[in-house]
Amino acid sequence: MSSRTQPRLRHDAPDMVPVALVRAMTALVLVILALTSFWVWTDRPLEALPPESPVAEERTIFLSGELSGAARVLDQNGTVIVDFGPEEGGFIAGVARVLERERTNARQPLDGPIRLVAYENGRMGIFDPSTGWRADLMGFGADNAAAFARLLR
């Protein structure tokens, strides 16, 4: 008389994930990894950039943001343009944190200026000259782009 005290290591339940599906998903991941590696290693140009347009308006600003969502925006002379509280400055504070991370990774000073640009085609963007980082603000929604548009006036 033999009693089993060990759990079975192999289970033949019909609700298991099919082996063919696991292999297909693995193949998909490997193909994506190969394509991405090829694009990076061959220095292919970026193709998903916003459309080019002449600059309609531009302003150099300094951003500082806090984890609470509060943000302060200064002009070139150090004059406060706007001081957002935690309830209203969330997106701008978030952009300030992204800039801080990018500058930290690039070993650049954290307090440098950024360019806020409005283009003739209606799009807006920000550009950090110290790291080359840029963002098209239209991709974050109309309300968030409008928050930066207020800073141009």
N, C-alpha and C. Protein backbone atom coordinates (compact mmCIF):
# COMPACT_ATOMS: atom_id res chain seq x y z
N MET A 1 0.83 -1.17 0.00
CA MET A 1 0.00 0.00 0.00
C MET A 1 0.88 1.24 0.00
N SER A 2 0.71 1.99 -1.01
CA SER A 2 1.53 3.18 -1.19
C SER A 2 0.64 4.41 -1.22
N SER A 3 0.90 5.33 -0.38
CA SER A 3 0.11 6.58 -0.38
C SER A 3 0.99 7.73 -0.88
N ARG A 4 0.37 8.58 -1.64
CA ARG A 4 1.11 9.71 -2.20
C ARG A 4 1.09 10.89 -1.24
N THR A 5 2.24 11.33 -0.85
CA THR A 5 2.34 12.54 -0.03
C THR A 5 2.96 13.68 -0.81
N GLN A 6 3.53 13.36 -1.94
CA GLN A 6 4.15 14.38 -2.80
C GLN A 6 3.11 14.89 -3.80
N PRO A 7 3.11 16.20 -4.07
CA PRO A 7 2.19 16.71 -5.10
C PRO A 7 2.67 16.29 -6.49
N ARG A 8 1.75 16.17 -7.39
CA ARG A 8 2.11 15.82 -8.77
C ARG A 8 2.75 17.03 -9.44
N LEU A 9 3.84 16.81 -10.14
CA LEU A 9 4.52 17.89 -10.82
C LEU A 9 3.96 18.13 -12.21
N ARG A 10 3.29 17.18 -12.74
CA ARG A 10 2.71 17.32 -14.08
C ARG A 10 1.21 17.22 -13.95
N HIS A 11 0.53 18.14 -14.63
CA HIS A 11 -0.92 18.18 -14.53
C HIS A 11 -1.48 18.17 -15.95
N ASP A 12 -2.41 17.31 -16.21
CA ASP A 12 -2.99 17.18 -17.54
C ASP A 12 -4.34 17.88 -17.65
N ALA A 13 -4.50 18.97 -16.98
CA ALA A 13 -5.78 19.68 -17.02
C ALA A 13 -6.00 20.32 -18.39
N PRO A 14 -7.22 20.30 -18.89
CA PRO A 14 -7.49 20.85 -20.21
C PRO A 14 -7.47 22.39 -20.26
N ASP A 15 -7.44 23.05 -19.10
CA ASP A 15 -7.46 24.51 -19.11
C ASP A 15 -6.07 25.13 -19.10
N MET A 16 -5.05 24.36 -19.34
CA MET A 16 -3.68 24.87 -19.42
C MET A 16 -3.51 25.66 -20.72
N VAL A 17 -2.51 26.53 -20.76
CA VAL A 17 -2.22 27.31 -21.96
C VAL A 17 -1.61 26.38 -23.01
N PRO A 18 -2.13 26.40 -24.22
CA PRO A 18 -1.59 25.52 -25.26
C PRO A 18 -0.12 25.83 -25.57
N VAL A 19 0.65 24.79 -25.78
CA VAL A 19 2.07 24.94 -26.07
C VAL A 19 2.28 25.76 -27.33
N ALA A 20 1.45 25.58 -28.33
CA ALA A 20 1.58 26.34 -29.58
C ALA A 20 1.43 27.84 -29.33
N LEU A 21 0.54 28.22 -28.44
CA LEU A 21 0.34 29.64 -28.12
C LEU A 21 1.57 30.21 -27.41
N VAL A 22 2.14 29.46 -26.51
CA VAL A 22 3.35 29.91 -25.81
C VAL A 22 4.49 30.09 -26.81
N ARG A 23 4.64 29.15 -27.73
CA ARG A 23 5.69 29.26 -28.75
C ARG A 23 5.46 30.46 -29.66
N ALA A 24 4.21 30.70 -30.04
CA ALA A 24 3.89 31.84 -30.90
C ALA A 24 4.20 33.16 -30.20
N MET A 25 3.87 33.26 -28.93
CA MET A 25 4.15 34.49 -28.18
C MET A 25 5.66 34.70 -28.03
N THR A 26 6.40 33.63 -27.80
CA THR A 26 7.85 33.73 -27.71
C THR A 26 8.43 34.19 -29.03
N ALA A 27 7.95 33.64 -30.13
CA ALA A 27 8.42 34.04 -31.46
C ALA A 27 8.11 35.52 -31.71
N LEU A 28 6.94 35.98 -31.32
CA LEU A 28 6.57 37.38 -31.50
C LEU A 28 7.52 38.30 -30.74
N VAL A 29 7.82 37.96 -29.50
CA VAL A 29 8.73 38.77 -28.69
C VAL A 29 10.12 38.79 -29.32
N LEU A 30 10.60 37.66 -29.81
CA LEU A 30 11.93 37.60 -30.43
C LEU A 30 11.99 38.41 -31.72
N VAL A 31 10.93 38.37 -32.52
CA VAL A 31 10.90 39.17 -33.76
C VAL A 31 10.91 40.66 -33.43
N ILE A 32 10.13 41.08 -32.45
CA ILE A 32 10.10 42.49 -32.06
C ILE A 32 11.46 42.92 -31.53
N LEU A 33 12.09 42.08 -30.71
CA LEU A 33 13.42 42.38 -30.19
C LEU A 33 14.44 42.50 -31.33
N ALA A 34 14.37 41.61 -32.31
CA ALA A 34 15.30 41.66 -33.44
C ALA A 34 15.10 42.93 -34.27
N LEU A 35 13.84 43.29 -34.55
CA LEU A 35 13.58 44.50 -35.33
C LEU A 35 14.03 45.76 -34.59
N THR A 36 13.75 45.83 -33.31
CA THR A 36 14.16 46.99 -32.52
C THR A 36 15.68 47.08 -32.46
N SER A 37 16.34 45.97 -32.24
CA SER A 37 17.80 45.96 -32.20
C SER A 37 18.39 46.41 -33.53
N PHE A 38 17.84 45.94 -34.63
CA PHE A 38 18.31 46.33 -35.95
C PHE A 38 18.20 47.85 -36.13
N TRP A 39 17.07 48.43 -35.74
CA TRP A 39 16.87 49.88 -35.91
C TRP A 39 17.86 50.67 -35.06
N VAL A 40 18.13 50.20 -33.86
CA VAL A 40 19.05 50.92 -32.98
C VAL A 40 20.48 50.77 -33.46
N TRP A 41 20.89 49.57 -33.80
CA TRP A 41 22.28 49.33 -34.18
C TRP A 41 22.65 49.94 -35.52
N THR A 42 21.69 50.15 -36.41
CA THR A 42 21.99 50.74 -37.71
C THR A 42 21.75 52.24 -37.74
N ASP A 43 21.48 52.85 -36.58
CA ASP A 43 21.26 54.30 -36.47
C ASP A 43 20.24 54.81 -37.48
N ARG A 44 19.15 54.11 -37.59
CA ARG A 44 18.07 54.54 -38.49
C ARG A 44 17.49 55.85 -37.98
N PRO A 45 17.07 56.74 -38.87
CA PRO A 45 16.49 58.01 -38.41
C PRO A 45 15.12 57.80 -37.77
N LEU A 46 14.77 58.71 -36.88
CA LEU A 46 13.45 58.66 -36.25
C LEU A 46 12.39 58.97 -37.29
N GLU A 47 11.33 58.18 -37.31
CA GLU A 47 10.30 58.36 -38.31
C GLU A 47 8.98 58.86 -37.74
N ALA A 48 8.80 58.77 -36.45
CA ALA A 48 7.52 59.14 -35.84
C ALA A 48 7.63 60.52 -35.18
N LEU A 49 8.09 61.49 -35.92
CA LEU A 49 8.22 62.84 -35.41
C LEU A 49 7.02 63.68 -35.84
N PRO A 50 6.66 64.70 -35.05
CA PRO A 50 5.55 65.56 -35.45
C PRO A 50 5.91 66.33 -36.72
N PRO A 51 4.91 66.76 -37.48
CA PRO A 51 5.19 67.48 -38.73
C PRO A 51 5.93 68.79 -38.47
N GLU A 52 6.87 69.09 -39.35
CA GLU A 52 7.63 70.34 -39.23
C GLU A 52 6.76 71.51 -39.66
N SER A 53 6.94 72.63 -38.98
CA SER A 53 6.19 73.84 -39.27
C SER A 53 7.00 75.03 -38.77
N PRO A 54 6.86 76.19 -39.41
CA PRO A 54 7.58 77.37 -38.92
C PRO A 54 7.12 77.76 -37.51
N VAL A 55 8.03 78.36 -36.77
CA VAL A 55 7.74 78.78 -35.40
C VAL A 55 6.90 80.05 -35.44
N ALA A 56 5.77 80.04 -34.73
CA ALA A 56 4.91 81.22 -34.64
C ALA A 56 5.26 82.06 -33.42
N GLU A 57 5.57 81.39 -32.32
CA GLU A 57 5.89 82.08 -31.07
C GLU A 57 6.78 81.19 -30.24
N GLU A 58 7.69 81.80 -29.49
CA GLU A 58 8.63 81.04 -28.69
C GLU A 58 8.96 81.81 -27.42
N ARG A 59 9.20 81.05 -26.34
CA ARG A 59 9.57 81.68 -25.08
C ARG A 59 10.51 80.75 -24.32
N THR A 60 11.54 81.33 -23.74
CA THR A 60 12.45 80.57 -22.90
C THR A 60 11.96 80.65 -21.47
N ILE A 61 11.79 79.49 -20.84
CA ILE A 61 11.27 79.44 -19.48
C ILE A 61 12.10 78.48 -18.63
N PHE A 62 11.90 78.58 -17.34
CA PHE A 62 12.51 77.67 -16.37
C PHE A 62 11.38 77.01 -15.60
N LEU A 63 11.42 75.69 -15.49
CA LEU A 63 10.39 74.94 -14.78
C LEU A 63 10.95 74.34 -13.50
N SER A 64 10.11 74.35 -12.48
CA SER A 64 10.42 73.56 -11.28
C SER A 64 9.11 72.97 -10.79
N GLY A 65 9.16 71.72 -10.43
CA GLY A 65 7.95 71.03 -9.99
C GLY A 65 8.19 70.20 -8.76
N GLU A 66 7.12 69.93 -8.05
CA GLU A 66 7.20 69.14 -6.83
C GLU A 66 6.34 67.89 -6.98
N LEU A 67 6.59 66.90 -6.15
CA LEU A 67 5.81 65.67 -6.20
C LEU A 67 4.34 65.90 -5.86
N SER A 68 4.06 66.97 -5.14
CA SER A 68 2.67 67.28 -4.77
C SER A 68 1.85 67.74 -5.96
N GLY A 69 2.52 68.12 -7.06
CA GLY A 69 1.82 68.65 -8.23
C GLY A 69 1.99 70.15 -8.36
N ALA A 70 2.57 70.79 -7.36
CA ALA A 70 2.83 72.22 -7.44
C ALA A 70 3.96 72.47 -8.43
N ALA A 71 3.87 73.59 -9.15
CA ALA A 71 4.90 73.92 -10.14
C ALA A 71 5.09 75.42 -10.19
N ARG A 72 6.30 75.83 -10.50
CA ARG A 72 6.62 77.24 -10.65
C ARG A 72 7.30 77.42 -12.00
N VAL A 73 6.88 78.46 -12.72
CA VAL A 73 7.44 78.76 -14.03
C VAL A 73 8.02 80.16 -13.98
N LEU A 74 9.29 80.27 -14.37
CA LEU A 74 10.00 81.55 -14.38
C LEU A 74 10.36 81.92 -15.81
N ASP A 75 10.48 83.23 -16.08
CA ASP A 75 10.94 83.66 -17.40
C ASP A 75 12.46 83.75 -17.40
N GLN A 76 13.03 84.26 -18.48
CA GLN A 76 14.47 84.34 -18.64
C GLN A 76 15.13 85.20 -17.57
N ASN A 77 14.42 86.20 -17.07
CA ASN A 77 14.98 87.12 -16.08
C ASN A 77 14.79 86.62 -14.65
N GLY A 78 14.14 85.50 -14.47
CA GLY A 78 13.89 84.97 -13.13
C GLY A 78 12.59 85.46 -12.52
N THR A 79 11.79 86.18 -13.30
CA THR A 79 10.49 86.65 -12.83
C THR A 79 9.49 85.51 -12.89
N VAL A 80 8.68 85.39 -11.84
CA VAL A 80 7.68 84.33 -11.79
C VAL A 80 6.58 84.63 -12.80
N ILE A 81 6.37 83.71 -13.73
CA ILE A 81 5.27 83.83 -14.70
C ILE A 81 4.00 83.34 -14.06
N VAL A 82 4.07 82.16 -13.46
CA VAL A 82 2.91 81.60 -12.78
C VAL A 82 3.40 80.61 -11.73
N ASP A 83 2.67 80.56 -10.64
CA ASP A 83 2.97 79.64 -9.54
C ASP A 83 1.74 78.76 -9.35
N PHE A 84 1.80 77.52 -9.84
CA PHE A 84 0.66 76.61 -9.77
C PHE A 84 0.64 75.89 -8.43
N GLY A 85 -0.56 75.74 -7.88
CA GLY A 85 -0.74 74.95 -6.67
C GLY A 85 -0.81 73.47 -7.02
N PRO A 86 -0.89 72.61 -6.01
CA PRO A 86 -0.92 71.16 -6.25
C PRO A 86 -2.10 70.70 -7.09
N GLU A 87 -3.22 71.41 -7.04
CA GLU A 87 -4.42 70.99 -7.78
C GLU A 87 -4.36 71.36 -9.26
N GLU A 88 -3.58 72.36 -9.61
CA GLU A 88 -3.62 72.86 -10.99
C GLU A 88 -2.32 72.68 -11.77
N GLY A 89 -1.24 72.33 -11.12
CA GLY A 89 0.04 72.25 -11.82
C GLY A 89 0.54 70.85 -12.08
N GLY A 90 -0.31 69.86 -11.99
CA GLY A 90 0.11 68.47 -12.08
C GLY A 90 0.88 68.12 -13.33
N PHE A 91 0.36 68.51 -14.51
CA PHE A 91 1.03 68.14 -15.75
C PHE A 91 2.35 68.89 -15.89
N ILE A 92 2.36 70.17 -15.57
CA ILE A 92 3.58 70.96 -15.69
C ILE A 92 4.63 70.45 -14.69
N ALA A 93 4.20 70.10 -13.48
CA ALA A 93 5.13 69.52 -12.51
C ALA A 93 5.66 68.18 -13.01
N GLY A 94 4.81 67.41 -13.67
CA GLY A 94 5.25 66.13 -14.23
C GLY A 94 6.30 66.31 -15.32
N VAL A 95 6.10 67.30 -16.18
CA VAL A 95 7.09 67.60 -17.22
C VAL A 95 8.39 68.05 -16.58
N ALA A 96 8.31 68.84 -15.51
CA ALA A 96 9.52 69.29 -14.81
C ALA A 96 10.29 68.09 -14.24
N ARG A 97 9.57 67.10 -13.73
CA ARG A 97 10.24 65.90 -13.20
C ARG A 97 10.89 65.08 -14.32
N VAL A 98 10.23 65.02 -15.47
CA VAL A 98 10.82 64.32 -16.63
C VAL A 98 12.10 65.03 -17.06
N LEU A 99 12.05 66.36 -17.13
CA LEU A 99 13.25 67.13 -17.49
C LEU A 99 14.37 66.88 -16.48
N GLU A 100 14.02 66.85 -15.22
CA GLU A 100 15.03 66.60 -14.19
C GLU A 100 15.67 65.23 -14.38
N ARG A 101 14.86 64.22 -14.67
CA ARG A 101 15.40 62.87 -14.89
C ARG A 101 16.30 62.84 -16.12
N GLU A 102 15.84 63.47 -17.22
CA GLU A 102 16.64 63.49 -18.44
C GLU A 102 17.97 64.20 -18.22
N ARG A 103 17.94 65.31 -17.49
CA ARG A 103 19.17 66.05 -17.22
C ARG A 103 20.09 65.28 -16.29
N THR A 104 19.52 64.57 -15.34
CA THR A 104 20.33 63.74 -14.44
C THR A 104 21.02 62.64 -15.24
N ASN A 105 20.29 61.99 -16.13
CA ASN A 105 20.88 60.93 -16.96
C ASN A 105 21.96 61.46 -17.88
N ALA A 106 21.80 62.70 -18.36
CA ALA A 106 22.78 63.31 -19.26
C ALA A 106 23.87 64.05 -18.50
N ARG A 107 23.80 64.04 -17.17
CA ARG A 107 24.76 64.75 -16.31
C ARG A 107 24.83 66.23 -16.66
N GLN A 108 23.68 66.84 -16.79
CA GLN A 108 23.55 68.27 -17.08
C GLN A 108 22.99 68.98 -15.85
N PRO A 109 23.23 70.30 -15.73
CA PRO A 109 22.64 71.04 -14.60
C PRO A 109 21.12 70.93 -14.62
N LEU A 110 20.52 70.79 -13.45
CA LEU A 110 19.08 70.57 -13.36
C LEU A 110 18.26 71.84 -13.54
N ASP A 111 18.89 72.99 -13.46
CA ASP A 111 18.13 74.25 -13.46
C ASP A 111 18.22 75.02 -14.78
N GLY A 112 18.51 74.37 -15.86
CA GLY A 112 18.65 75.05 -17.15
C GLY A 112 17.32 75.45 -17.76
N PRO A 113 17.36 76.30 -18.76
CA PRO A 113 16.13 76.75 -19.42
C PRO A 113 15.61 75.72 -20.41
N ILE A 114 14.33 75.87 -20.76
CA ILE A 114 13.75 75.10 -21.86
C ILE A 114 13.06 76.09 -22.79
N ARG A 115 12.89 75.66 -24.02
CA ARG A 115 12.18 76.49 -25.01
C ARG A 115 10.77 75.96 -25.16
N LEU A 116 9.80 76.86 -25.01
CA LEU A 116 8.40 76.55 -25.25
C LEU A 116 8.05 77.17 -26.59
N VAL A 117 7.60 76.34 -27.53
CA VAL A 117 7.42 76.78 -28.92
C VAL A 117 6.00 76.51 -29.38
N ALA A 118 5.39 77.51 -29.99
CA ALA A 118 4.10 77.34 -30.68
C ALA A 118 4.38 77.43 -32.17
N TYR A 119 3.90 76.46 -32.93
CA TYR A 119 4.15 76.42 -34.36
C TYR A 119 2.93 76.95 -35.12
N GLU A 120 3.15 77.32 -36.37
CA GLU A 120 2.07 77.87 -37.20
C GLU A 120 0.97 76.86 -37.49
N ASN A 121 1.29 75.58 -37.43
CA ASN A 121 0.27 74.56 -37.70
C ASN A 121 -0.60 74.27 -36.47
N GLY A 122 -0.42 75.03 -35.39
CA GLY A 122 -1.25 74.88 -34.20
C GLY A 122 -0.68 73.95 -33.15
N ARG A 123 0.41 73.29 -33.43
CA ARG A 123 1.01 72.38 -32.46
C ARG A 123 1.92 73.16 -31.51
N MET A 124 2.19 72.56 -30.37
CA MET A 124 3.10 73.15 -29.39
C MET A 124 4.11 72.10 -28.97
N GLY A 125 5.28 72.58 -28.59
CA GLY A 125 6.30 71.66 -28.14
C GLY A 125 7.21 72.31 -27.14
N ILE A 126 7.94 71.48 -26.41
CA ILE A 126 8.98 71.98 -25.52
C ILE A 126 10.28 71.30 -25.92
N PHE A 127 11.38 72.03 -25.75
CA PHE A 127 12.68 71.54 -26.16
C PHE A 127 13.70 71.91 -25.08
N ASP A 128 14.48 70.93 -24.68
CA ASP A 128 15.54 71.16 -23.70
C ASP A 128 16.87 71.22 -24.45
N PRO A 129 17.46 72.41 -24.59
CA PRO A 129 18.71 72.52 -25.35
C PRO A 129 19.89 71.78 -24.72
N SER A 130 19.88 71.57 -23.42
CA SER A 130 21.03 70.92 -22.77
C SER A 130 21.08 69.42 -23.03
N THR A 131 19.94 68.78 -23.24
CA THR A 131 19.93 67.32 -23.47
C THR A 131 19.44 66.93 -24.86
N GLY A 132 18.78 67.85 -25.56
CA GLY A 132 18.19 67.52 -26.85
C GLY A 132 16.81 66.88 -26.72
N TRP A 133 16.32 66.73 -25.49
CA TRP A 133 15.00 66.14 -25.26
C TRP A 133 13.93 67.09 -25.74
N ARG A 134 12.89 66.53 -26.37
CA ARG A 134 11.78 67.35 -26.84
C ARG A 134 10.49 66.57 -26.70
N ALA A 135 9.40 67.32 -26.61
CA ALA A 135 8.09 66.68 -26.50
C ALA A 135 7.08 67.52 -27.27
N ASP A 136 6.26 66.84 -28.05
CA ASP A 136 5.15 67.48 -28.74
C ASP A 136 3.97 67.46 -27.77
N LEU A 137 3.55 68.62 -27.31
CA LEU A 137 2.54 68.69 -26.26
C LEU A 137 1.16 68.28 -26.72
N MET A 138 0.90 68.25 -28.01
CA MET A 138 -0.42 67.85 -28.50
C MET A 138 -0.69 66.38 -28.20
N GLY A 139 0.34 65.60 -28.03
CA GLY A 139 0.17 64.18 -27.72
C GLY A 139 -0.34 63.93 -26.32
N PHE A 140 -0.36 64.94 -25.48
CA PHE A 140 -0.81 64.79 -24.10
C PHE A 140 -2.23 65.31 -23.88
N GLY A 141 -2.89 65.72 -24.95
CA GLY A 141 -4.27 66.19 -24.82
C GLY A 141 -4.37 67.70 -24.86
N ALA A 142 -5.54 68.17 -25.23
CA ALA A 142 -5.78 69.61 -25.41
C ALA A 142 -5.65 70.38 -24.10
N ASP A 143 -6.12 69.82 -23.00
CA ASP A 143 -6.05 70.54 -21.72
C ASP A 143 -4.61 70.75 -21.27
N ASN A 144 -3.78 69.73 -21.44
CA ASN A 144 -2.39 69.85 -21.04
C ASN A 144 -1.62 70.80 -21.97
N ALA A 145 -1.92 70.78 -23.26
CA ALA A 145 -1.30 71.72 -24.18
C ALA A 145 -1.74 73.14 -23.85
N ALA A 146 -3.00 73.32 -23.46
CA ALA A 146 -3.51 74.65 -23.10
C ALA A 146 -2.82 75.18 -21.85
N ALA A 147 -2.44 74.30 -20.93
CA ALA A 147 -1.72 74.74 -19.73
C ALA A 147 -0.39 75.37 -20.11
N PHE A 148 0.29 74.82 -21.10
CA PHE A 148 1.54 75.41 -21.56
C PHE A 148 1.28 76.62 -22.46
N ALA A 149 0.19 76.62 -23.21
CA ALA A 149 -0.13 77.77 -24.08
C ALA A 149 -0.31 79.03 -23.25
N ARG A 150 -0.85 78.90 -22.05
CA ARG A 150 -1.01 80.06 -21.16
C ARG A 150 0.33 80.70 -20.83
N LEU A 151 1.40 79.91 -20.86
CA LEU A 151 2.72 80.43 -20.50
C LEU A 151 3.33 81.28 -21.60
N LEU A 152 2.81 81.20 -22.80
CA LEU A 152 3.33 82.01 -23.91
C LEU A 152 2.83 83.45 -23.86
N ARG A 153 1.76 83.69 -23.16
CA ARG A 153 1.17 85.05 -23.14
C ARG A 153 1.85 85.93 -22.14
